[in-house]
Amino acid sequence: MVGTNFAPFPLTDDIEIQATPGHTMACVTVLVARSNLSPDGRPVAIVGDLFERQQDIDDDRLWLDAGSEDARAQRFHRARIASLAEWIIPGHGGPFRVDASIREKLQHQSDASATEPSAGVV
């Protein structure tokens, strides 16, 4: 299993940083807790290249071809952040709302890759 120490680093009461290695091992995600975009209380996640764009949920070549230092870790963190967030702001596309079907698809992708070697595509 990919490491499990994802203790958030709070910047303010409403903003925290979480490690989301994968694309590079130093990648982070910024979670913004309060937003008019998030009426159900889930944060907005500013994810950089953890997600290239919403379309890479259905076509993983979009993010794999962009490079990943650890594809297994990246899949794990994509599913983990989607489980937390109401909205995702990716590195190269417009913001998108995360619904149950997206969360389920990403979790399935993460579970399926759990037996793969952790070496990614560079």
PDB file of N, CA and C in Angstrom:
ATOM      1  N   MET A   1       0.839  -1.193   0.000  1.00  0.00           N
ATOM      2  CA  MET A   1       0.000   0.000   0.000  1.00  0.00           C
ATOM      3  C   MET A   1       0.876   1.246   0.000  1.00  0.00           C
ATOM      4  N   VAL A   2       0.397   2.266  -0.640  1.00  0.00           N
ATOM      5  CA  VAL A   2       1.068   3.555  -0.654  1.00  0.00           C
ATOM      6  C   VAL A   2       1.060   4.092   0.772  1.00  0.00           C
ATOM      7  N   GLY A   3       2.068   4.867   1.144  1.00  0.00           N
ATOM      8  CA  GLY A   3       2.164   5.411   2.488  1.00  0.00           C
ATOM      9  C   GLY A   3       0.877   6.045   2.982  1.00  0.00           C
ATOM     10  N   THR A   4       0.692   6.081   4.278  1.00  0.00           N
ATOM     11  CA  THR A   4      -0.575   6.555   4.833  1.00  0.00           C
ATOM     12  C   THR A   4      -0.433   7.789   5.718  1.00  0.00           C
ATOM     13  N   ASN A   5       0.713   8.445   5.742  1.00  0.00           N
ATOM     14  CA  ASN A   5       0.876   9.638   6.556  1.00  0.00           C
ATOM     15  C   ASN A   5       0.532  10.868   5.719  1.00  0.00           C
ATOM     16  N   PHE A   6      -0.732  11.270   5.778  1.00  0.00           N
ATOM     17  CA  PHE A   6      -1.191  12.411   5.002  1.00  0.00           C
ATOM     18  C   PHE A   6      -1.709  13.496   5.919  1.00  0.00           C
ATOM     19  N   ALA A   7      -1.031  13.688   7.031  1.00  0.00           N
ATOM     20  CA  ALA A   7      -1.454  14.708   7.974  1.00  0.00           C
ATOM     21  C   ALA A   7      -1.475  16.052   7.269  1.00  0.00           C
ATOM     22  N   PRO A   8      -2.593  16.741   7.337  1.00  0.00           N
ATOM     23  CA  PRO A   8      -2.677  18.043   6.678  1.00  0.00           C
ATOM     24  C   PRO A   8      -1.800  19.074   7.383  1.00  0.00           C
ATOM     25  N   PHE A   9      -1.368  20.044   6.595  1.00  0.00           N
ATOM     26  CA  PHE A   9      -0.628  21.178   7.125  1.00  0.00           C
ATOM     27  C   PHE A   9      -1.550  22.378   7.038  1.00  0.00           C
ATOM     28  N   PRO A  10      -2.155  22.769   8.168  1.00  0.00           N
ATOM     29  CA  PRO A  10      -3.099  23.896   8.118  1.00  0.00           C
ATOM     30  C   PRO A  10      -2.379  25.228   7.948  1.00  0.00           C
ATOM     31  N   LEU A  11      -2.898  26.044   7.015  1.00  0.00           N
ATOM     32  CA  LEU A  11      -2.392  27.403   6.837  1.00  0.00           C
ATOM     33  C   LEU A  11      -3.272  28.394   7.575  1.00  0.00           C
ATOM     34  N   THR A  12      -4.579  28.174   7.486  1.00  0.00           N
ATOM     35  CA  THR A  12      -5.575  28.981   8.206  1.00  0.00           C
ATOM     36  C   THR A  12      -6.668  28.018   8.636  1.00  0.00           C
ATOM     37  N   ASP A  13      -7.728  28.546   9.236  1.00  0.00           N
ATOM     38  CA  ASP A  13      -8.861  27.695   9.601  1.00  0.00           C
ATOM     39  C   ASP A  13      -9.533  27.100   8.372  1.00  0.00           C
ATOM     40  N   ASP A  14      -9.380  27.733   7.227  1.00  0.00           N
ATOM     41  CA  ASP A  14     -10.075  27.317   6.017  1.00  0.00           C
ATOM     42  C   ASP A  14      -9.189  26.709   4.934  1.00  0.00           C
ATOM     43  N   ILE A  15      -7.877  26.737   5.113  1.00  0.00           N
ATOM     44  CA  ILE A  15      -6.970  26.290   4.057  1.00  0.00           C
ATOM     45  C   ILE A  15      -5.930  25.345   4.647  1.00  0.00           C
ATOM     46  N   GLU A  16      -5.752  24.193   3.971  1.00  0.00           N
ATOM     47  CA  GLU A  16      -4.710  23.272   4.387  1.00  0.00           C
ATOM     48  C   GLU A  16      -4.021  22.685   3.159  1.00  0.00           C
ATOM     49  N   ILE A  17      -2.801  22.237   3.388  1.00  0.00           N
ATOM     50  CA  ILE A  17      -2.013  21.597   2.340  1.00  0.00           C
ATOM     51  C   ILE A  17      -1.869  20.126   2.705  1.00  0.00           C
ATOM     52  N   GLN A  18      -2.033  19.261   1.692  1.00  0.00           N
ATOM     53  CA  GLN A  18      -1.818  17.834   1.894  1.00  0.00           C
ATOM     54  C   GLN A  18      -0.851  17.324   0.840  1.00  0.00           C
ATOM     55  N   ALA A  19       0.026  16.427   1.247  1.00  0.00           N
ATOM     56  CA  ALA A  19       0.943  15.781   0.309  1.00  0.00           C
ATOM     57  C   ALA A  19       0.134  14.868  -0.611  1.00  0.00           C
ATOM     58  N   THR A  20       0.392  14.984  -1.910  1.00  0.00           N
ATOM     59  CA  THR A  20      -0.252  14.114  -2.901  1.00  0.00           C
ATOM     60  C   THR A  20       0.784  13.689  -3.947  1.00  0.00           C
ATOM     61  N   PRO A  21       1.816  12.957  -3.518  1.00  0.00           N
ATOM     62  CA  PRO A  21       2.851  12.548  -4.453  1.00  0.00           C
ATOM     63  C   PRO A  21       2.306  11.637  -5.542  1.00  0.00           C
ATOM     64  N   GLY A  22       2.991  11.677  -6.654  1.00  0.00           N
ATOM     65  CA  GLY A  22       2.608  10.854  -7.795  1.00  0.00           C
ATOM     66  C   GLY A  22       3.170  11.466  -9.053  1.00  0.00           C
ATOM     67  N   HIS A  23       2.553  12.547  -9.520  1.00  0.00           N
ATOM     68  CA  HIS A  23       3.089  13.229 -10.713  1.00  0.00           C
ATOM     69  C   HIS A  23       4.565  13.538 -10.469  1.00  0.00           C
ATOM     70  N   THR A  24       4.839  14.202  -9.373  1.00  0.00           N
ATOM     71  CA  THR A  24       6.190  14.271  -8.806  1.00  0.00           C
ATOM     72  C   THR A  24       6.044  13.877  -7.350  1.00  0.00           C
ATOM     73  N   MET A  25       7.126  13.500  -6.750  1.00  0.00           N
ATOM     74  CA  MET A  25       7.042  13.054  -5.356  1.00  0.00           C
ATOM     75  C   MET A  25       6.859  14.227  -4.395  1.00  0.00           C
ATOM     76  N   ALA A  26       7.007  15.466  -4.880  1.00  0.00           N
ATOM     77  CA  ALA A  26       6.845  16.645  -4.041  1.00  0.00           C
ATOM     78  C   ALA A  26       5.492  17.333  -4.229  1.00  0.00           C
ATOM     79  N   CYS A  27       4.595  16.750  -5.001  1.00  0.00           N
ATOM     80  CA  CYS A  27       3.302  17.395  -5.270  1.00  0.00           C
ATOM     81  C   CYS A  27       2.461  17.539  -4.006  1.00  0.00           C
ATOM     82  N   VAL A  28       1.709  18.625  -3.984  1.00  0.00           N
ATOM     83  CA  VAL A  28       0.776  18.874  -2.886  1.00  0.00           C
ATOM     84  C   VAL A  28      -0.566  19.314  -3.460  1.00  0.00           C
ATOM     85  N   THR A  29      -1.581  19.198  -2.622  1.00  0.00           N
ATOM     86  CA  THR A  29      -2.916  19.691  -2.934  1.00  0.00           C
ATOM     87  C   THR A  29      -3.298  20.693  -1.868  1.00  0.00           C
ATOM     88  N   VAL A  30      -3.940  21.780  -2.294  1.00  0.00           N
ATOM     89  CA  VAL A  30      -4.448  22.785  -1.364  1.00  0.00           C
ATOM     90  C   VAL A  30      -5.950  22.578  -1.255  1.00  0.00           C
ATOM     91  N   LEU A  31      -6.427  22.375  -0.024  1.00  0.00           N
ATOM     92  CA  LEU A  31      -7.856  22.222   0.238  1.00  0.00           C
ATOM     93  C   LEU A  31      -8.380  23.508   0.863  1.00  0.00           C
ATOM     94  N   VAL A  32      -9.420  24.055   0.248  1.00  0.00           N
ATOM     95  CA  VAL A  32     -10.062  25.267   0.750  1.00  0.00           C
ATOM     96  C   VAL A  32     -11.408  24.844   1.315  1.00  0.00           C
ATOM     97  N   ALA A  33     -11.551  24.955   2.635  1.00  0.00           N
ATOM     98  CA  ALA A  33     -12.688  24.372   3.334  1.00  0.00           C
ATOM     99  C   ALA A  33     -14.001  25.093   3.098  1.00  0.00           C
ATOM    100  N   ARG A  34     -13.989  26.384   3.055  1.00  0.00           N
ATOM    101  CA  ARG A  34     -15.242  27.130   2.933  1.00  0.00           C
ATOM    102  C   ARG A  34     -15.289  27.831   1.598  1.00  0.00           C
ATOM    103  N   SER A  35     -16.374  27.599   0.888  1.00  0.00           N
ATOM    104  CA  SER A  35     -16.517  28.202  -0.423  1.00  0.00           C
ATOM    105  C   SER A  35     -17.980  28.237  -0.800  1.00  0.00           C
ATOM    106  N   ASN A  36     -18.373  29.247  -1.561  1.00  0.00           N
ATOM    107  CA  ASN A  36     -19.741  29.281  -2.059  1.00  0.00           C
ATOM    108  C   ASN A  36     -19.961  28.185  -3.098  1.00  0.00           C
ATOM    109  N   LEU A  37     -18.885  27.546  -3.594  1.00  0.00           N
ATOM    110  CA  LEU A  37     -19.006  26.424  -4.520  1.00  0.00           C
ATOM    111  C   LEU A  37     -19.294  25.114  -3.799  1.00  0.00           C
ATOM    112  N   SER A  38     -19.170  25.104  -2.493  1.00  0.00           N
ATOM    113  CA  SER A  38     -19.249  23.864  -1.742  1.00  0.00           C
ATOM    114  C   SER A  38     -20.310  23.924  -0.651  1.00  0.00           C
ATOM    115  N   PRO A  39     -21.573  23.922  -1.027  1.00  0.00           N
ATOM    116  CA  PRO A  39     -22.629  24.044  -0.026  1.00  0.00           C
ATOM    117  C   PRO A  39     -22.749  22.843   0.902  1.00  0.00           C
ATOM    118  N   ASP A  40     -22.243  21.673   0.512  1.00  0.00           N
ATOM    119  CA  ASP A  40     -22.367  20.501   1.386  1.00  0.00           C
ATOM    120  C   ASP A  40     -21.222  20.378   2.381  1.00  0.00           C
ATOM    121  N   GLY A  41     -20.309  21.336   2.387  1.00  0.00           N
ATOM    122  CA  GLY A  41     -19.243  21.345   3.370  1.00  0.00           C
ATOM    123  C   GLY A  41     -17.955  20.669   2.949  1.00  0.00           C
ATOM    124  N   ARG A  42     -17.924  20.047   1.792  1.00  0.00           N
ATOM    125  CA  ARG A  42     -16.674  19.462   1.307  1.00  0.00           C
ATOM    126  C   ARG A  42     -15.788  20.572   0.757  1.00  0.00           C
ATOM    127  N   PRO A  43     -14.479  20.409   0.860  1.00  0.00           N
ATOM    128  CA  PRO A  43     -13.584  21.465   0.372  1.00  0.00           C
ATOM    129  C   PRO A  43     -13.445  21.469  -1.148  1.00  0.00           C
ATOM    130  N   VAL A  44     -12.928  22.570  -1.633  1.00  0.00           N
ATOM    131  CA  VAL A  44     -12.465  22.688  -3.008  1.00  0.00           C
ATOM    132  C   VAL A  44     -10.993  22.300  -2.985  1.00  0.00           C
ATOM    133  N   ALA A  45     -10.582  21.442  -3.924  1.00  0.00           N
ATOM    134  CA  ALA A  45      -9.197  20.968  -3.968  1.00  0.00           C
ATOM    135  C   ALA A  45      -8.491  21.557  -5.184  1.00  0.00           C
ATOM    136  N   ILE A  46      -7.413  22.282  -4.928  1.00  0.00           N
ATOM    137  CA  ILE A  46      -6.556  22.809  -5.986  1.00  0.00           C
ATOM    138  C   ILE A  46      -5.403  21.818  -6.075  1.00  0.00           C
ATOM    139  N   VAL A  47      -5.390  21.033  -7.168  1.00  0.00           N
ATOM    140  CA  VAL A  47      -4.583  19.820  -7.189  1.00  0.00           C
ATOM    141  C   VAL A  47      -3.355  19.844  -8.087  1.00  0.00           C
ATOM    142  N   GLY A  48      -3.128  20.920  -8.823  1.00  0.00           N
ATOM    143  CA  GLY A  48      -1.996  20.903  -9.755  1.00  0.00           C
ATOM    144  C   GLY A  48      -2.132  19.748 -10.720  1.00  0.00           C
ATOM    145  N   ASP A  49      -1.060  19.008 -10.951  1.00  0.00           N
ATOM    146  CA  ASP A  49      -1.083  17.937 -11.934  1.00  0.00           C
ATOM    147  C   ASP A  49      -1.471  16.578 -11.360  1.00  0.00           C
ATOM    148  N   LEU A  50      -2.027  16.532 -10.163  1.00  0.00           N
ATOM    149  CA  LEU A  50      -2.625  15.285  -9.691  1.00  0.00           C
ATOM    150  C   LEU A  50      -3.704  14.867 -10.695  1.00  0.00           C
ATOM    151  N   PHE A  51      -4.444  15.857 -11.192  1.00  0.00           N
ATOM    152  CA  PHE A  51      -5.365  15.708 -12.315  1.00  0.00           C
ATOM    153  C   PHE A  51      -4.923  16.714 -13.365  1.00  0.00           C
ATOM    154  N   GLU A  52      -4.807  16.291 -14.599  1.00  0.00           N
ATOM    155  CA  GLU A  52      -4.529  17.224 -15.688  1.00  0.00           C
ATOM    156  C   GLU A  52      -5.792  18.002 -16.038  1.00  0.00           C
ATOM    157  N   ARG A  53      -6.887  17.250 -16.177  1.00  0.00           N
ATOM    158  CA  ARG A  53      -8.212  17.804 -16.505  1.00  0.00           C
ATOM    159  C   ARG A  53      -9.241  16.735 -16.183  1.00  0.00           C
ATOM    160  N   GLN A  54     -10.501  17.086 -16.181  1.00  0.00           N
ATOM    161  CA  GLN A  54     -11.547  16.133 -15.829  1.00  0.00           C
ATOM    162  C   GLN A  54     -11.538  14.909 -16.748  1.00  0.00           C
ATOM    163  N   GLN A  55     -11.216  15.093 -18.010  1.00  0.00           N
ATOM    164  CA  GLN A  55     -11.250  14.002 -18.974  1.00  0.00           C
ATOM    165  C   GLN A  55     -10.271  12.884 -18.625  1.00  0.00           C
ATOM    166  N   ASP A  56      -9.263  13.171 -17.814  1.00  0.00           N
ATOM    167  CA  ASP A  56      -8.301  12.114 -17.496  1.00  0.00           C
ATOM    168  C   ASP A  56      -8.846  11.086 -16.510  1.00  0.00           C
ATOM    169  N   ILE A  57     -10.037  11.319 -15.998  1.00  0.00           N
ATOM    170  CA  ILE A  57     -10.680  10.302 -15.157  1.00  0.00           C
ATOM    171  C   ILE A  57     -11.075   9.101 -16.019  1.00  0.00           C
ATOM    172  N   ASP A  58     -11.560   9.368 -17.224  1.00  0.00           N
ATOM    173  CA  ASP A  58     -11.958   8.297 -18.137  1.00  0.00           C
ATOM    174  C   ASP A  58     -10.827   7.835 -19.037  1.00  0.00           C
ATOM    175  N   ASP A  59      -9.810   8.655 -19.233  1.00  0.00           N
ATOM    176  CA  ASP A  59      -8.698   8.319 -20.118  1.00  0.00           C
ATOM    177  C   ASP A  59      -7.387   8.573 -19.379  1.00  0.00           C
ATOM    178  N   ASP A  60      -6.908   7.550 -18.666  1.00  0.00           N
ATOM    179  CA  ASP A  60      -5.717   7.754 -17.843  1.00  0.00           C
ATOM    180  C   ASP A  60      -4.457   8.035 -18.656  1.00  0.00           C
ATOM    181  N   ARG A  61      -4.481   7.816 -19.958  1.00  0.00           N
ATOM    182  CA  ARG A  61      -3.327   8.168 -20.789  1.00  0.00           C
ATOM    183  C   ARG A  61      -3.063   9.675 -20.727  1.00  0.00           C
ATOM    184  N   LEU A  62      -4.100  10.478 -20.512  1.00  0.00           N
ATOM    185  CA  LEU A  62      -3.918  11.931 -20.460  1.00  0.00           C
ATOM    186  C   LEU A  62      -2.973  12.336 -19.337  1.00  0.00           C
ATOM    187  N   TRP A  63      -3.106  11.706 -18.178  1.00  0.00           N
ATOM    188  CA  TRP A  63      -2.187  12.067 -17.098  1.00  0.00           C
ATOM    189  C   TRP A  63      -0.929  11.209 -17.108  1.00  0.00           C
ATOM    190  N   LEU A  64      -1.013   9.960 -17.546  1.00  0.00           N
ATOM    191  CA  LEU A  64       0.184   9.128 -17.608  1.00  0.00           C
ATOM    192  C   LEU A  64       1.159   9.651 -18.663  1.00  0.00           C
ATOM    193  N   ASP A  65       0.642  10.074 -19.815  1.00  0.00           N
ATOM    194  CA  ASP A  65       1.508  10.608 -20.865  1.00  0.00           C
ATOM    195  C   ASP A  65       2.149  11.938 -20.470  1.00  0.00           C
ATOM    196  N   ALA A  66       1.553  12.637 -19.518  1.00  0.00           N
ATOM    197  CA  ALA A  66       2.130  13.886 -19.023  1.00  0.00           C
ATOM    198  C   ALA A  66       3.303  13.615 -18.071  1.00  0.00           C
ATOM    199  N   GLY A  67       3.467  12.353 -17.679  1.00  0.00           N
ATOM    200  CA  GLY A  67       4.549  11.969 -16.781  1.00  0.00           C
ATOM    201  C   GLY A  67       4.049  11.748 -15.373  1.00  0.00           C
ATOM    202  N   SER A  68       4.519  10.691 -14.763  1.00  0.00           N
ATOM    203  CA  SER A  68       4.182  10.372 -13.383  1.00  0.00           C
ATOM    204  C   SER A  68       5.375   9.663 -12.772  1.00  0.00           C
ATOM    205  N   GLU A  69       5.900  10.219 -11.685  1.00  0.00           N
ATOM    206  CA  GLU A  69       7.019   9.571 -11.016  1.00  0.00           C
ATOM    207  C   GLU A  69       6.575   8.305 -10.301  1.00  0.00           C
ATOM    208  N   ASP A  70       5.307   8.216  -9.935  1.00  0.00           N
ATOM    209  CA  ASP A  70       4.775   7.027  -9.265  1.00  0.00           C
ATOM    210  C   ASP A  70       3.283   6.938  -9.577  1.00  0.00           C
ATOM    211  N   ALA A  71       2.950   6.216 -10.645  1.00  0.00           N
ATOM    212  CA  ALA A  71       1.561   6.131 -11.106  1.00  0.00           C
ATOM    213  C   ALA A  71       0.645   5.512 -10.059  1.00  0.00           C
ATOM    214  N   ARG A  72       1.130   4.509  -9.348  1.00  0.00           N
ATOM    215  CA  ARG A  72       0.293   3.881  -8.309  1.00  0.00           C
ATOM    216  C   ARG A  72      -0.048   4.879  -7.214  1.00  0.00           C
ATOM    217  N   ALA A  73       0.947   5.634  -6.758  1.00  0.00           N
ATOM    218  CA  ALA A  73       0.697   6.651  -5.734  1.00  0.00           C
ATOM    219  C   ALA A  73      -0.243   7.724  -6.263  1.00  0.00           C
ATOM    220  N   GLN A  74      -0.048   8.107  -7.512  1.00  0.00           N
ATOM    221  CA  GLN A  74      -0.912   9.135  -8.092  1.00  0.00           C
ATOM    222  C   GLN A  74      -2.358   8.652  -8.144  1.00  0.00           C
ATOM    223  N   ARG A  75      -2.582   7.401  -8.556  1.00  0.00           N
ATOM    224  CA  ARG A  75      -3.952   6.855  -8.558  1.00  0.00           C
ATOM    225  C   ARG A  75      -4.547   6.863  -7.151  1.00  0.00           C
ATOM    226  N   PHE A  76      -3.738   6.463  -6.173  1.00  0.00           N
ATOM    227  CA  PHE A  76      -4.197   6.439  -4.784  1.00  0.00           C
ATOM    228  C   PHE A  76      -4.631   7.835  -4.329  1.00  0.00           C
ATOM    229  N   HIS A  77      -3.797   8.840  -4.595  1.00  0.00           N
ATOM    230  CA  HIS A  77      -4.100  10.198  -4.137  1.00  0.00           C
ATOM    231  C   HIS A  77      -5.238  10.837  -4.928  1.00  0.00           C
ATOM    232  N   ARG A  78      -5.370  10.477  -6.211  1.00  0.00           N
ATOM    233  CA  ARG A  78      -6.517  10.960  -6.990  1.00  0.00           C
ATOM    234  C   ARG A  78      -7.813  10.481  -6.330  1.00  0.00           C
ATOM    235  N   ALA A  79      -7.866   9.218  -5.959  1.00  0.00           N
ATOM    236  CA  ALA A  79      -9.065   8.676  -5.302  1.00  0.00           C
ATOM    237  C   ALA A  79      -9.259   9.295  -3.918  1.00  0.00           C
ATOM    238  N   ARG A  80      -8.176   9.462  -3.186  1.00  0.00           N
ATOM    239  CA  ARG A  80      -8.272  10.009  -1.817  1.00  0.00           C
ATOM    240  C   ARG A  80      -8.774  11.443  -1.826  1.00  0.00           C
ATOM    241  N   ILE A  81      -8.212  12.266  -2.692  1.00  0.00           N
ATOM    242  CA  ILE A  81      -8.642  13.666  -2.751  1.00  0.00           C
ATOM    243  C   ILE A  81     -10.070  13.776  -3.269  1.00  0.00           C
ATOM    244  N   ALA A  82     -10.431  12.960  -4.260  1.00  0.00           N
ATOM    245  CA  ALA A  82     -11.813  12.977  -4.763  1.00  0.00           C
ATOM    246  C   ALA A  82     -12.793  12.575  -3.675  1.00  0.00           C
ATOM    247  N   SER A  83     -12.381  11.707  -2.768  1.00  0.00           N
ATOM    248  CA  SER A  83     -13.279  11.306  -1.680  1.00  0.00           C
ATOM    249  C   SER A  83     -13.521  12.447  -0.693  1.00  0.00           C
ATOM    250  N   LEU A  84     -12.622  13.420  -0.677  1.00  0.00           N
ATOM    251  CA  LEU A  84     -12.741  14.556   0.236  1.00  0.00           C
ATOM    252  C   LEU A  84     -13.428  15.769  -0.384  1.00  0.00           C
ATOM    253  N   ALA A  85     -13.219  15.982  -1.684  1.00  0.00           N
ATOM    254  CA  ALA A  85     -13.535  17.259  -2.323  1.00  0.00           C
ATOM    255  C   ALA A  85     -14.920  17.295  -2.972  1.00  0.00           C
ATOM    256  N   GLU A  86     -15.475  18.490  -2.984  1.00  0.00           N
ATOM    257  CA  GLU A  86     -16.698  18.784  -3.737  1.00  0.00           C
ATOM    258  C   GLU A  86     -16.347  19.226  -5.153  1.00  0.00           C
ATOM    259  N   TRP A  87     -15.277  20.004  -5.258  1.00  0.00           N
ATOM    260  CA  TRP A  87     -14.788  20.506  -6.543  1.00  0.00           C
ATOM    261  C   TRP A  87     -13.304  20.247  -6.636  1.00  0.00           C
ATOM    262  N   ILE A  88     -12.824  19.983  -7.852  1.00  0.00           N
ATOM    263  CA  ILE A  88     -11.397  19.848  -8.117  1.00  0.00           C
ATOM    264  C   ILE A  88     -11.016  20.883  -9.168  1.00  0.00           C
ATOM    265  N   ILE A  89      -9.936  21.591  -8.877  1.00  0.00           N
ATOM    266  CA  ILE A  89      -9.352  22.518  -9.842  1.00  0.00           C
ATOM    267  C   ILE A  89      -8.048  21.870 -10.299  1.00  0.00           C
ATOM    268  N   PRO A  90      -8.061  21.297 -11.528  1.00  0.00           N
ATOM    269  CA  PRO A  90      -6.885  20.574 -12.015  1.00  0.00           C
ATOM    270  C   PRO A  90      -5.823  21.505 -12.587  1.00  0.00           C
ATOM    271  N   GLY A  91      -4.683  20.913 -12.921  1.00  0.00           N
ATOM    272  CA  GLY A  91      -3.553  21.694 -13.409  1.00  0.00           C
ATOM    273  C   GLY A  91      -3.736  22.304 -14.784  1.00  0.00           C
ATOM    274  N   HIS A  92      -4.530  21.677 -15.658  1.00  0.00           N
ATOM    275  CA  HIS A  92      -4.585  22.138 -17.036  1.00  0.00           C
ATOM    276  C   HIS A  92      -5.986  22.193 -17.615  1.00  0.00           C
ATOM    277  N   GLY A  93      -6.999  22.174 -16.802  1.00  0.00           N
ATOM    278  CA  GLY A  93      -8.367  22.227 -17.294  1.00  0.00           C
ATOM    279  C   GLY A  93      -9.225  23.013 -16.330  1.00  0.00           C
ATOM    280  N   GLY A  94     -10.487  23.136 -16.676  1.00  0.00           N
ATOM    281  CA  GLY A  94     -11.405  23.874 -15.824  1.00  0.00           C
ATOM    282  C   GLY A  94     -11.819  23.091 -14.596  1.00  0.00           C
ATOM    283  N   PRO A  95     -12.329  23.800 -13.590  1.00  0.00           N
ATOM    284  CA  PRO A  95     -12.819  23.130 -12.382  1.00  0.00           C
ATOM    285  C   PRO A  95     -13.950  22.169 -12.721  1.00  0.00           C
ATOM    286  N   PHE A  96     -14.053  21.105 -11.931  1.00  0.00           N
ATOM    287  CA  PHE A  96     -15.169  20.186 -12.104  1.00  0.00           C
ATOM    288  C   PHE A  96     -15.666  19.697 -10.757  1.00  0.00           C
ATOM    289  N   ARG A  97     -16.963  19.444 -10.731  1.00  0.00           N
ATOM    290  CA  ARG A  97     -17.616  18.954  -9.517  1.00  0.00           C
ATOM    291  C   ARG A  97     -17.387  17.449  -9.400  1.00  0.00           C
ATOM    292  N   VAL A  98     -17.116  17.001  -8.187  1.00  0.00           N
ATOM    293  CA  VAL A  98     -16.886  15.588  -7.928  1.00  0.00           C
ATOM    294  C   VAL A  98     -18.186  14.985  -7.403  1.00  0.00           C
ATOM    295  N   ASP A  99     -18.708  13.999  -8.143  1.00  0.00           N
ATOM    296  CA  ASP A  99     -19.930  13.329  -7.696  1.00  0.00           C
ATOM    297  C   ASP A  99     -19.604  11.885  -7.317  1.00  0.00           C
ATOM    298  N   ALA A 100     -20.621  11.165  -6.889  1.00  0.00           N
ATOM    299  CA  ALA A 100     -20.422   9.790  -6.421  1.00  0.00           C
ATOM    300  C   ALA A 100     -19.852   8.890  -7.512  1.00  0.00           C
ATOM    301  N   SER A 101     -20.261   9.085  -8.755  1.00  0.00           N
ATOM    302  CA  SER A 101     -19.749   8.213  -9.822  1.00  0.00           C
ATOM    303  C   SER A 101     -18.263   8.451 -10.066  1.00  0.00           C
ATOM    304  N   ILE A 102     -17.820   9.694  -9.968  1.00  0.00           N
ATOM    305  CA  ILE A 102     -16.393   9.989 -10.111  1.00  0.00           C
ATOM    306  C   ILE A 102     -15.618   9.378  -8.953  1.00  0.00           C
ATOM    307  N   ARG A 103     -16.130   9.536  -7.743  1.00  0.00           N
ATOM    308  CA  ARG A 103     -15.450   8.965  -6.576  1.00  0.00           C
ATOM    309  C   ARG A 103     -15.316   7.447  -6.721  1.00  0.00           C
ATOM    310  N   GLU A 104     -16.389   6.795  -7.154  1.00  0.00           N
ATOM    311  CA  GLU A 104     -16.384   5.343  -7.315  1.00  0.00           C
ATOM    312  C   GLU A 104     -15.399   4.909  -8.396  1.00  0.00           C
ATOM    313  N   LYS A 105     -15.393   5.602  -9.525  1.00  0.00           N
ATOM    314  CA  LYS A 105     -14.491   5.260 -10.631  1.00  0.00           C
ATOM    315  C   LYS A 105     -13.031   5.397 -10.205  1.00  0.00           C
ATOM    316  N   LEU A 106     -12.701   6.487  -9.519  1.00  0.00           N
ATOM    317  CA  LEU A 106     -11.325   6.700  -9.086  1.00  0.00           C
ATOM    318  C   LEU A 106     -10.913   5.687  -8.020  1.00  0.00           C
ATOM    319  N   GLN A 107     -11.825   5.331  -7.130  1.00  0.00           N
ATOM    320  CA  GLN A 107     -11.506   4.318  -6.122  1.00  0.00           C
ATOM    321  C   GLN A 107     -11.258   2.973  -6.785  1.00  0.00           C
ATOM    322  N   HIS A 108     -12.072   2.644  -7.779  1.00  0.00           N
ATOM    323  CA  HIS A 108     -11.883   1.386  -8.511  1.00  0.00           C
ATOM    324  C   HIS A 108     -10.516   1.377  -9.207  1.00  0.00           C
ATOM    325  N   GLN A 109     -10.136   2.490  -9.826  1.00  0.00           N
ATOM    326  CA  GLN A 109      -8.830   2.588 -10.497  1.00  0.00           C
ATOM    327  C   GLN A 109      -7.694   2.417  -9.489  1.00  0.00           C
ATOM    328  N   SER A 110      -7.842   3.025  -8.329  1.00  0.00           N
ATOM    329  CA  SER A 110      -6.816   2.914  -7.294  1.00  0.00           C
ATOM    330  C   SER A 110      -6.712   1.481  -6.785  1.00  0.00           C
ATOM    331  N   ASP A 111      -7.852   0.867  -6.520  1.00  0.00           N
ATOM    332  CA  ASP A 111      -7.855  -0.514  -6.033  1.00  0.00           C
ATOM    333  C   ASP A 111      -7.234  -1.461  -7.054  1.00  0.00           C
ATOM    334  N   ALA A 112      -7.541  -1.264  -8.329  1.00  0.00           N
ATOM    335  CA  ALA A 112      -7.032  -2.128  -9.388  1.00  0.00           C
ATOM    336  C   ALA A 112      -5.514  -1.992  -9.544  1.00  0.00           C
ATOM    337  N   SER A 113      -4.977  -0.818  -9.217  1.00  0.00           N
ATOM    338  CA  SER A 113      -3.536  -0.609  -9.391  1.00  0.00           C
ATOM    339  C   SER A 113      -2.755  -0.976  -8.128  1.00  0.00           C
ATOM    340  N   ALA A 114      -3.430  -1.360  -7.061  1.00  0.00           N
ATOM    341  CA  ALA A 114      -2.750  -1.636  -5.786  1.00  0.00           C
ATOM    342  C   ALA A 114      -1.736  -2.771  -5.896  1.00  0.00           C
ATOM    343  N   THR A 115      -1.898  -3.655  -6.861  1.00  0.00           N
ATOM    344  CA  THR A 115      -0.960  -4.756  -7.013  1.00  0.00           C
ATOM    345  C   THR A 115       0.135  -4.472  -8.022  1.00  0.00           C
ATOM    346  N   GLU A 116       0.061  -3.299  -8.688  1.00  0.00           N
ATOM    347  CA  GLU A 116       1.090  -2.932  -9.661  1.00  0.00           C
ATOM    348  C   GLU A 116       2.352  -2.467  -8.947  1.00  0.00           C
ATOM    349  N   PRO A 117       3.514  -2.588  -9.583  1.00  0.00           N
ATOM    350  CA  PRO A 117       4.726  -1.998  -9.014  1.00  0.00           C
ATOM    351  C   PRO A 117       4.568  -0.489  -8.892  1.00  0.00           C
ATOM    352  N   SER A 118       5.239   0.121  -7.939  1.00  0.00           N
ATOM    353  CA  SER A 118       5.072   1.551  -7.721  1.00  0.00           C
ATOM    354  C   SER A 118       5.854   2.408  -8.709  1.00  0.00           C
ATOM    355  N   ALA A 119       6.719   1.841  -9.492  1.00  0.00           N
ATOM    356  CA  ALA A 119       7.462   2.633 -10.474  1.00  0.00           C
ATOM    357  C   ALA A 119       6.494   3.233 -11.464  1.00  0.00           C
ATOM    358  N   GLY A 120       6.620   4.523 -11.708  1.00  0.00           N
ATOM    359  CA  GLY A 120       5.691   5.223 -12.587  1.00  0.00           C
ATOM    360  C   GLY A 120       6.246   5.406 -13.981  1.00  0.00           C
ATOM    361  N   VAL A 121       5.524   6.189 -14.727  1.00  0.00           N
ATOM    362  CA  VAL A 121       5.922   6.549 -16.076  1.00  0.00           C
ATOM    363  C   VAL A 121       6.607   7.890 -15.992  1.00  0.00           C
ATOM    364  N   VAL A 122       7.778   8.021 -16.550  1.00  0.00           N
ATOM    365  CA  VAL A 122       8.495   9.306 -16.492  1.00  0.00           C
ATOM    366  C   VAL A 122       8.617   9.878 -17.870  1.00  0.00           C
TER     367      VAL A 122
END
